[in-house]
Structures are given as C-alpha cells and as structure tokens.
Amino acid sequence: MAARAMLLRRAAVFSPPVQHFLNVRYLSTGCIAQKDNWLNKLLVRKIEPTKESHSRMLSDKEVIFELQAHNLKPGTGKPYLENYEEYVKAVVDKFADKPVHPELQGSWTVTVGDQDQCLHLWKYAGGYSSIDAANKLFASDPDLSRLIQDRNQYLRQRSNQYLLPFSFWPPVSPREGGNIYEIRSYFLKPGTMIEWGNNWSRAIHFRQANNEAFGGFFSQVGRLYNVHHIWCYKSLAARKEARESAWRHPGWDEVVAYTVPLISEMHARILVPNSISPAQ
C-alpha cells in the first residue's frame, strides 16, 4: 500500500491521461497473481472457441490486397517511377480481356520514415484464384517480365504482403489531389488480432469526421500479425488536428488503453502520391 501511495503521489504531477496509465500499470502488476480478478476481465477480452478462422471473422469479402514495398538505390527515383508507370499501363492492357484483374489502389513515395522507398497497393477482387492467374501471366508474358527485370536495377531491397481488409473500415476508394498519406504499421503479439479488431471496430467511428480513414488491413501471407492503417490528410497540420481531435471523443482513451498492450512493435511513415496513383 505504501508503494501504491508513493506512485499515486508521483502521478499527480502528470496530466490525467498519464495518471490513468500509471494507475493501470500499477494495478495490472500488483494483481497479477489473481488469475480471474476484475482487471483481467476488463482488459483481456476472452475469445470463445470458434470453427471459423480469425480472418473470416474480421474480413467478410473475397478481396485481397497486395502491398509492395520497394527500397530504391539513392538517386534512382525518377527512372524507377518511369518504369513502374509503364508497368502499370502494361498490366491494365494485358488484363483488359480477363474476367478478374489486379487494380492499382495507391502508389506513394515515403517522405518521412524509410527514405528512398515506394509503396504500391494492389487489389485482387477475385481472391487467391485471381492472384494465381495473375502470377502465371506475370511469369509468362515477355513484356511484363522485361519490365520487372528492368526494375531490378533500381532496387536495393523489395518485399510484399497479401492483406485482407478489415470489414469495419470504409472501402478503399480513389481520392482527389492535394493530400498526404500516413501508413501506421503495427506488429501484434500472436493471438491478439481478434481483440485488436474488437477495439478498432469502435475506434474507427472516432476518425470519420474528415474522411481521413483510407484503408485498414491485416496480413495473411508475408510477415504475420501485421496491421496497416492508412490515413489521408490535407497536410501535416491537418494530421495533427485530427489526431488531437480523437482524444476529445469519450471512449478513445479506452481504446488506446486496451490496444497498446497488444503491440510488440509499430512505426509510421508519411507518404506523397506518385503521379500514377488513383489516391492523390
């Protein structure tokens, strides 16, 4: 009790949100021996056994997104983007008569975060069968193969992921010009994806005022338990105001308190649209 009193006296000099987290930290460590105490029931939402996969519970559409991350050699941005623009046009042409086809949803260059990096978001409306068909064409078509091979000279590293969209996020759609974007990437502790979805299904309503929510996804192939939230803002100043405004909504602080313990790593990048991007 003396230790708790000392902790609370120290917390009094902080702002109310910090006091809240200090209180939660003390209580959660002080009561850890009590397996079923009231705090465990409050902070840990138990998941009942289910015959459905977690991905099916969180995403209700046969739509898969591919997020490509290309790390460029310094100074090669211009020829790389020229190559990628030609590649996008070739994809549109080659798949014009196909029942399902990849659709570019966004193409960005990172300005804050991983320098010399471009991100591209593709949509496959036909699920994994459309990805299988697309990969066969990419491998067999000489024009596409040439463009991919030519692109390699500008790259120092590349990676991709297949993602599912969270069902409670608004659908990805084109945006008119004059925006910047932020991609916030979270690496969750295994087994916590459902709890993350439970909390963000509430939280997303606090971030809808200015149509800032662009897309929310979780990984299926590639690095697992990886969540990406993409936000759209008019400027860095507008981003600051939007994020501060969320804290003025009752309930946002609870969402933060519930979801922070689920995260093992996170980072944010600021993006500007490339000329070929439908999301400007």
Protein backbone atom coordinates (compact mmCIF):
# COMPACT_ATOMS: atom_id res chain seq x y z
CA MET A 1 0.00 0.00 0.00
CA ALA A 2 2.88 2.39 0.77
CA ALA A 3 4.33 1.78 -2.68
CA ARG A 4 0.96 2.45 -4.28
CA ALA A 5 0.56 5.71 -2.35
CA MET A 6 4.02 6.85 -3.45
CA LEU A 7 3.22 6.00 -7.09
CA LEU A 8 -0.04 7.94 -6.98
CA ARG A 9 1.66 10.98 -5.41
CA ARG A 10 4.18 10.97 -8.25
CA ALA A 11 1.40 10.56 -10.83
CA ALA A 12 -0.30 13.70 -9.51
CA VAL A 13 2.24 15.90 -11.28
CA PHE A 14 1.34 14.41 -14.66
CA SER A 15 -1.61 15.11 -16.91
CA PRO A 16 -4.79 12.98 -16.42
CA PRO A 17 -4.00 10.56 -19.32
CA VAL A 18 -0.59 9.79 -17.82
CA GLN A 19 -2.12 9.27 -14.37
CA HIS A 20 -4.57 6.84 -15.95
CA PHE A 21 -1.80 4.75 -17.50
CA LEU A 22 0.24 4.79 -14.28
CA ASN A 23 -2.77 3.55 -12.35
CA VAL A 24 -3.40 0.79 -14.91
CA ARG A 25 0.27 -0.20 -14.84
CA TYR A 26 0.32 -0.48 -11.03
CA LEU A 27 -2.92 -2.37 -10.77
CA SER A 28 -2.09 -4.82 -13.54
CA THR A 29 1.27 -5.70 -11.99
CA GLY A 30 0.07 -5.64 -8.40
CA CYS A 31 -2.78 -8.06 -9.05
CA ILE A 32 -1.04 -10.41 -11.47
CA ALA A 33 -1.26 -13.32 -9.06
CA GLN A 34 -5.05 -13.21 -9.12
CA LYS A 35 -5.87 -15.03 -12.33
CA ASP A 36 -9.53 -14.07 -12.59
CA ASN A 37 -9.57 -10.68 -10.88
CA TRP A 38 -11.77 -7.87 -12.14
CA LEU A 39 -8.96 -6.11 -14.04
CA ASN A 40 -8.14 -9.19 -16.11
CA LYS A 41 -11.79 -9.42 -17.06
CA LEU A 42 -11.77 -5.73 -18.01
CA LEU A 43 -8.54 -5.61 -20.05
CA VAL A 44 -8.48 -9.09 -21.60
CA ARG A 45 -11.46 -10.00 -23.72
CA LYS A 46 -11.66 -13.77 -23.79
CA ILE A 47 -12.26 -15.30 -27.20
CA GLU A 48 -14.68 -18.18 -27.25
CA PRO A 49 -13.77 -21.28 -29.28
CA THR A 50 -14.94 -20.99 -32.88
CA LYS A 51 -15.00 -23.12 -36.01
CA GLU A 52 -14.37 -20.03 -38.16
CA SER A 53 -10.90 -18.70 -38.93
CA HIS A 54 -9.98 -15.37 -37.40
CA SER A 55 -9.52 -13.88 -40.86
CA ARG A 56 -13.09 -14.82 -41.78
CA MET A 57 -14.40 -13.19 -38.61
CA LEU A 58 -12.52 -9.94 -39.31
CA SER A 59 -12.95 -9.66 -43.09
CA ASP A 60 -16.16 -10.54 -44.90
CA LYS A 61 -15.16 -10.09 -48.55
CA GLU A 62 -13.32 -12.16 -51.15
CA VAL A 63 -10.97 -9.26 -51.78
CA ILE A 64 -7.23 -9.46 -51.25
CA PHE A 65 -4.76 -6.60 -51.33
CA GLU A 66 -1.08 -6.76 -52.11
CA LEU A 67 1.22 -4.20 -50.52
CA GLN A 68 4.54 -3.91 -52.34
CA ALA A 69 7.47 -2.14 -50.66
CA HIS A 70 10.37 -1.21 -52.93
CA ASN A 71 13.55 0.24 -51.42
CA LEU A 72 15.41 2.19 -54.07
CA LYS A 73 19.04 2.90 -54.65
CA PRO A 74 19.59 6.61 -53.85
CA GLY A 75 19.23 8.76 -56.96
CA THR A 76 17.17 6.27 -58.97
CA GLY A 77 13.69 7.54 -58.09
CA LYS A 78 12.92 9.13 -61.46
CA PRO A 79 13.82 6.16 -63.74
CA TYR A 80 12.22 3.76 -61.28
CA LEU A 81 8.89 5.61 -61.36
CA GLU A 82 9.02 5.82 -65.15
CA ASN A 83 9.48 2.06 -65.25
CA TYR A 84 6.66 1.46 -62.78
CA GLU A 85 4.28 3.72 -64.70
CA GLU A 86 4.99 1.71 -67.86
CA TYR A 87 4.45 -1.49 -65.85
CA VAL A 88 1.04 -0.32 -64.57
CA LYS A 89 -0.08 0.54 -68.10
CA ALA A 90 1.08 -2.88 -69.30
CA VAL A 91 -0.88 -4.62 -66.51
CA VAL A 92 -4.05 -2.75 -67.49
CA ASP A 93 -3.51 -3.70 -71.15
CA LYS A 94 -2.63 -7.36 -70.56
CA PHE A 95 -5.60 -7.96 -68.25
CA ALA A 96 -8.14 -5.97 -70.29
CA ASP A 97 -9.90 -9.10 -71.58
CA LYS A 98 -9.55 -11.12 -68.37
CA PRO A 99 -12.55 -11.68 -66.04
CA VAL A 100 -10.51 -10.62 -62.99
CA HIS A 101 -7.51 -8.34 -62.92
CA PRO A 102 -5.21 -6.51 -60.49
CA GLU A 103 -6.24 -2.92 -59.80
CA LEU A 104 -3.81 -0.33 -58.51
CA GLN A 105 -5.36 1.45 -55.50
CA GLY A 106 -2.48 3.62 -54.37
CA SER A 107 1.16 4.38 -55.21
CA TRP A 108 3.27 6.51 -52.89
CA THR A 109 6.80 7.65 -52.14
CA VAL A 110 7.85 7.80 -48.49
CA THR A 111 8.94 11.27 -47.36
CA VAL A 112 9.20 10.67 -43.60
CA GLY A 113 10.31 7.27 -42.38
CA ASP A 114 12.08 4.81 -44.70
CA GLN A 115 13.79 7.09 -47.21
CA ASP A 116 14.10 6.04 -50.87
CA GLN A 117 11.07 3.78 -50.51
CA CYS A 118 7.94 3.44 -52.65
CA LEU A 119 4.77 1.61 -51.65
CA HIS A 120 2.14 0.26 -54.04
CA LEU A 121 -1.25 -1.12 -53.06
CA TRP A 122 -2.97 -3.53 -55.49
CA LYS A 123 -6.45 -5.01 -55.21
CA TYR A 124 -7.47 -8.52 -56.37
CA ALA A 125 -11.26 -8.78 -56.41
CA GLY A 126 -11.28 -12.49 -57.19
CA GLY A 127 -9.43 -13.69 -54.12
CA TYR A 128 -6.48 -16.06 -54.30
CA SER A 129 -7.63 -17.57 -57.59
CA SER A 130 -7.17 -14.20 -59.28
CA ILE A 131 -3.72 -13.88 -57.71
CA ASP A 132 -2.78 -17.33 -59.04
CA ALA A 133 -3.93 -16.35 -62.54
CA ALA A 134 -2.11 -13.03 -62.38
CA ASN A 135 1.15 -14.62 -61.25
CA LYS A 136 1.04 -17.04 -64.19
CA LEU A 137 0.64 -14.13 -66.59
CA PHE A 138 3.41 -12.11 -64.93
CA ALA A 139 5.77 -15.07 -65.33
CA SER A 140 4.84 -15.94 -68.93
CA ASP A 141 4.27 -12.56 -70.59
CA PRO A 142 7.53 -11.26 -72.11
CA ASP A 143 6.61 -7.57 -71.80
CA LEU A 144 5.73 -7.79 -68.11
CA SER A 145 8.76 -9.97 -67.41
CA ARG A 146 11.03 -7.46 -69.12
CA LEU A 147 9.66 -4.53 -67.13
CA ILE A 148 10.04 -6.42 -63.86
CA GLN A 149 13.60 -7.41 -64.78
CA ASP A 150 14.48 -3.84 -65.79
CA ARG A 151 13.11 -2.55 -62.50
CA ASN A 152 15.57 -4.63 -60.50
CA GLN A 153 18.49 -2.38 -61.41
CA TYR A 154 16.95 0.42 -59.33
CA LEU A 155 16.22 -1.66 -56.23
CA ARG A 156 18.31 -2.49 -53.20
CA GLN A 157 15.53 -4.46 -51.46
CA ARG A 158 11.89 -5.37 -52.00
CA SER A 159 9.09 -7.14 -50.12
CA ASN A 160 5.38 -7.72 -50.39
CA GLN A 161 2.44 -8.96 -48.35
CA TYR A 162 -1.04 -10.24 -49.08
CA LEU A 163 -3.55 -8.46 -46.88
CA LEU A 164 -7.23 -8.71 -46.02
CA PRO A 165 -9.27 -5.55 -45.39
CA PHE A 166 -10.93 -5.12 -42.01
CA SER A 167 -14.68 -5.33 -42.57
CA PHE A 168 -15.39 -2.34 -40.30
CA TRP A 169 -13.12 0.07 -42.20
CA PRO A 170 -14.60 2.05 -45.12
CA PRO A 171 -13.78 0.58 -48.54
CA VAL A 172 -10.67 1.85 -50.31
CA SER A 173 -11.60 4.43 -52.94
CA PRO A 174 -9.80 6.98 -55.17
CA ARG A 175 -9.06 10.42 -53.71
CA GLU A 176 -8.72 13.76 -55.45
CA GLY A 177 -5.40 15.60 -55.35
CA GLY A 178 -3.73 17.67 -52.68
CA ASN A 179 -3.37 15.01 -49.96
CA ILE A 180 -0.63 13.39 -47.98
CA TYR A 181 -0.97 9.91 -46.51
CA GLU A 182 0.23 8.15 -43.41
CA ILE A 183 0.68 4.41 -43.08
CA ARG A 184 0.86 3.24 -39.48
CA SER A 185 2.14 -0.33 -39.22
CA TYR A 186 1.59 -2.39 -36.08
CA PHE A 187 3.17 -5.74 -35.27
CA LEU A 188 0.88 -7.50 -32.80
CA LYS A 189 1.54 -10.23 -30.30
CA PRO A 190 0.35 -13.59 -31.68
CA GLY A 191 -3.23 -14.38 -30.75
CA THR A 192 -4.38 -10.77 -30.31
CA MET A 193 -5.83 -9.98 -33.75
CA ILE A 194 -9.45 -10.53 -32.70
CA GLU A 195 -9.06 -8.26 -29.70
CA TRP A 196 -7.47 -5.61 -31.94
CA GLY A 197 -10.44 -5.85 -34.29
CA ASN A 198 -12.95 -5.67 -31.43
CA ASN A 199 -11.47 -2.40 -30.23
CA TRP A 200 -10.88 -0.78 -33.62
CA SER A 201 -14.42 -1.54 -34.76
CA ARG A 202 -15.34 1.08 -32.12
CA ALA A 203 -12.35 3.36 -32.64
CA ILE A 204 -12.83 3.88 -36.37
CA HIS A 205 -16.01 5.88 -35.69
CA PHE A 206 -13.91 8.49 -33.87
CA ARG A 207 -11.82 9.08 -37.02
CA GLN A 208 -14.50 9.57 -39.69
CA ALA A 209 -15.17 13.29 -39.40
CA ASN A 210 -12.94 14.43 -42.28
CA ASN A 211 -12.94 11.23 -44.36
CA GLU A 212 -9.40 10.58 -43.19
CA ALA A 213 -9.67 6.77 -42.98
CA PHE A 214 -8.33 5.39 -46.28
CA GLY A 215 -7.83 1.69 -45.54
CA GLY A 216 -7.27 -0.82 -42.76
CA PHE A 217 -5.65 -4.22 -43.43
CA PHE A 218 -4.12 -7.22 -41.69
CA SER A 219 -1.57 -9.63 -43.15
CA GLN A 220 -2.35 -13.09 -44.45
CA VAL A 221 0.85 -14.00 -46.30
CA GLY A 222 4.20 -12.44 -45.52
CA ARG A 223 5.01 -11.12 -42.06
CA LEU A 224 2.08 -12.23 -39.91
CA TYR A 225 0.16 -10.40 -37.18
CA ASN A 226 0.95 -7.21 -39.06
CA VAL A 227 -1.72 -4.49 -39.27
CA HIS A 228 -1.60 -1.46 -41.57
CA HIS A 229 -3.82 1.60 -41.13
CA ILE A 230 -3.62 4.15 -43.96
CA TRP A 231 -4.86 7.69 -43.29
CA CYS A 232 -5.43 10.58 -45.69
CA TYR A 233 -4.83 14.23 -44.68
CA LYS A 234 -4.61 17.58 -46.37
CA SER A 235 -1.37 18.45 -44.58
CA LEU A 236 0.78 17.61 -41.58
CA ALA A 237 -1.03 20.35 -39.66
CA ALA A 238 -4.39 18.73 -40.52
CA ARG A 239 -2.99 15.39 -39.35
CA LYS A 240 -2.02 16.94 -36.01
CA GLU A 241 -5.50 18.41 -35.54
CA ALA A 242 -7.25 15.14 -36.50
CA ARG A 243 -5.19 13.12 -34.04
CA GLU A 244 -5.74 15.61 -31.23
CA SER A 245 -9.45 15.73 -32.01
CA ALA A 246 -9.72 11.96 -31.46
CA TRP A 247 -8.68 12.42 -27.82
CA ARG A 248 -11.63 14.74 -27.29
CA HIS A 249 -14.07 11.90 -28.03
CA PRO A 250 -15.20 9.96 -24.96
CA GLY A 251 -14.03 6.38 -25.37
CA TRP A 252 -10.91 6.99 -27.46
CA ASP A 253 -8.67 6.84 -24.39
CA GLU A 254 -10.16 3.44 -23.53
CA VAL A 255 -9.37 2.09 -26.98
CA VAL A 256 -5.76 3.23 -26.65
CA ALA A 257 -5.51 1.67 -23.18
CA TYR A 258 -6.84 -1.66 -24.48
CA THR A 259 -4.78 -1.86 -27.69
CA VAL A 260 -1.35 -0.59 -26.62
CA PRO A 261 -0.59 -3.81 -24.66
CA LEU A 262 -1.30 -5.84 -27.83
CA ILE A 263 1.55 -4.21 -29.80
CA SER A 264 5.09 -5.54 -29.91
CA GLU A 265 6.37 -3.00 -32.48
CA MET A 266 4.99 -0.11 -34.50
CA HIS A 267 6.13 2.60 -36.88
CA ALA A 268 4.66 5.35 -39.05
CA ARG A 269 5.59 6.70 -42.47
CA ILE A 270 4.38 9.84 -44.27
CA LEU A 271 3.66 9.32 -47.98
CA VAL A 272 3.09 11.51 -51.02
CA PRO A 273 1.18 10.14 -54.03
CA ASN A 274 3.02 9.26 -57.21
CA SER A 275 1.57 10.51 -60.50
CA ILE A 276 0.11 7.06 -61.34
CA SER A 277 -1.74 6.75 -58.02
CA PRO A 278 -5.57 6.71 -58.01
CA ALA A 279 -5.26 8.01 -54.43
CA GLN A 280 -3.98 11.56 -54.89
